Amino acid sequence: QVQLVESGGGLVQAGGSLRLSCEASGIIFRINAMGWYRQAPGKQREVVATITRGGTTNYADSVEGRFTISRDNAKNTVYLQMNSQKPEDTAVYYCNVFSAPVSFWGKGTLVTVSS
């Protein structure tokens, strides 16, 4: 059984930084892509950033230049470094792991950015 454990969420002031981590454990034959999504109150879940096994990254326009996604393939772990945070970054952040053809989700970690 695959389990994703997220950590690093919390409360931060606008302009501050947080780093999220997500470790995948269990039987995973090959992780293709990993990513972070977020869902703010009353809004749909949206992609924040993704990274392929080879290291190719993609970011939402709203976080480009402020957030950095990275991964450690040996540890099956993905990170999200969030800098220059804004109140609109407040959301529950979810880790996603895609191991074709299955997609796994973490339970989410709350990030609150105060103004």
Protein backbone atom coordinates (compact mmCIF):
# COMPACT_ATOMS: atom_id res chain seq x y z
CA GLN A 1 0.00 0.00 0.00
CA VAL A 2 1.35 3.39 -1.00
CA GLN A 3 1.39 6.16 1.56
CA LEU A 4 2.28 9.82 1.09
CA VAL A 5 3.30 11.72 4.20
CA GLU A 6 3.39 15.50 3.92
CA SER A 7 5.05 17.85 6.36
CA GLY A 8 6.12 21.47 6.68
CA GLY A 9 2.84 23.33 6.58
CA GLY A 10 1.96 26.03 9.08
CA LEU A 11 1.45 29.72 9.61
CA VAL A 12 3.75 32.29 8.04
CA GLN A 13 3.64 36.04 7.55
CA ALA A 14 3.43 37.55 4.10
CA GLY A 15 6.88 37.67 2.57
CA GLY A 16 8.03 34.67 4.56
CA SER A 17 9.04 31.18 3.54
CA LEU A 18 8.02 27.60 4.17
CA ARG A 19 9.28 24.30 2.86
CA LEU A 20 6.95 21.38 2.29
CA SER A 21 8.12 17.77 2.09
CA CYS A 22 6.32 14.66 0.92
CA GLU A 23 7.73 11.17 1.25
CA ALA A 24 6.19 8.27 -0.61
CA SER A 25 6.44 4.85 1.01
CA GLY A 26 5.16 1.43 0.09
CA ILE A 27 5.42 -0.57 -3.09
CA ILE A 28 6.07 1.87 -5.91
CA PHE A 29 7.68 0.35 -8.93
CA ARG A 30 8.48 3.57 -10.72
CA ILE A 31 7.51 7.13 -9.97
CA ASN A 32 7.03 9.09 -13.15
CA ALA A 33 6.04 12.52 -11.91
CA MET A 34 5.56 14.19 -8.56
CA GLY A 35 3.81 17.41 -7.79
CA TRP A 36 2.08 19.77 -5.45
CA TYR A 37 -1.50 20.95 -5.74
CA ARG A 38 -3.49 23.28 -3.52
CA GLN A 39 -7.08 24.00 -2.67
CA ALA A 40 -8.16 27.26 -1.12
CA PRO A 41 -11.51 27.58 0.69
CA GLY A 42 -14.35 27.70 -1.80
CA LYS A 43 -12.09 27.03 -4.76
CA GLN A 44 -11.16 24.06 -6.89
CA ARG A 45 -7.93 22.19 -6.46
CA GLU A 46 -5.24 23.60 -8.72
CA VAL A 47 -1.77 22.55 -9.73
CA VAL A 48 1.08 24.45 -8.12
CA ALA A 49 4.16 22.70 -9.49
CA THR A 50 5.19 19.40 -11.00
CA ILE A 51 8.48 17.65 -11.64
CA THR A 52 9.23 14.67 -13.83
CA ARG A 53 11.58 11.84 -12.98
CA GLY A 54 14.16 13.51 -15.19
CA GLY A 55 13.81 16.81 -13.37
CA THR A 56 11.69 18.83 -15.78
CA THR A 57 9.61 21.31 -13.80
CA ASN A 58 6.43 23.24 -14.44
CA TYR A 59 4.87 25.95 -12.32
CA ALA A 60 1.57 27.73 -12.10
CA ASP A 61 1.90 31.33 -13.25
CA SER A 62 0.90 32.53 -9.79
CA VAL A 63 3.94 30.94 -8.12
CA GLU A 64 6.55 31.15 -10.89
CA GLY A 65 9.71 32.73 -9.53
CA ARG A 66 8.66 32.33 -5.90
CA PHE A 67 8.26 28.58 -5.45
CA THR A 68 10.76 25.85 -6.27
CA ILE A 69 9.95 22.16 -6.60
CA SER A 70 12.62 19.51 -6.26
CA ARG A 71 12.80 15.77 -5.69
CA ASP A 72 15.08 13.11 -4.33
CA ASN A 73 14.47 9.97 -6.37
CA ALA A 74 16.44 7.78 -3.98
CA LYS A 75 14.18 8.82 -1.12
CA ASN A 76 10.95 9.02 -3.15
CA THR A 77 10.55 12.50 -1.72
CA VAL A 78 9.38 15.73 -3.28
CA TYR A 79 9.88 19.19 -1.82
CA LEU A 80 8.29 22.59 -2.35
CA GLN A 81 10.26 25.64 -1.26
CA MET A 82 7.87 28.57 -0.98
CA ASN A 83 9.38 32.05 -0.77
CA SER A 84 7.89 35.55 -0.81
CA GLN A 85 4.58 34.10 0.22
CA LYS A 86 1.35 36.00 -0.24
CA PRO A 87 -1.99 35.74 1.57
CA GLU A 88 -3.46 34.25 -1.60
CA ASP A 89 -1.11 31.28 -1.16
CA THR A 90 -3.25 30.21 1.80
CA ALA A 91 -4.61 26.75 1.05
CA VAL A 92 -4.36 23.08 1.82
CA TYR A 93 -1.42 21.74 -0.15
CA TYR A 94 -1.57 18.20 -1.48
CA CYS A 95 1.26 16.02 -2.65
CA ASN A 96 0.71 13.93 -5.77
CA VAL A 97 2.70 11.01 -7.08
CA PHE A 98 2.06 9.53 -10.51
CA SER A 99 3.21 5.98 -11.05
CA ALA A 100 1.62 5.01 -14.34
CA PRO A 101 -1.19 4.34 -14.55
CA VAL A 102 -2.03 5.18 -10.95
CA SER A 103 -2.05 8.56 -9.21
CA PHE A 104 -1.64 8.80 -5.45
CA TRP A 105 -2.56 11.70 -3.17
CA GLY A 106 -1.48 12.79 0.26
CA LYS A 107 -3.95 13.94 2.90
CA GLY A 108 -2.85 17.55 2.64
CA THR A 109 -1.08 20.07 4.82
CA LEU A 110 -2.46 23.50 5.64
CA VAL A 111 -0.47 26.60 4.77
CA THR A 112 -1.74 29.91 6.12
CA VAL A 113 -0.16 33.19 5.08
CA SER A 114 -1.12 36.16 7.20
CA SER A 115 -1.08 39.71 5.88
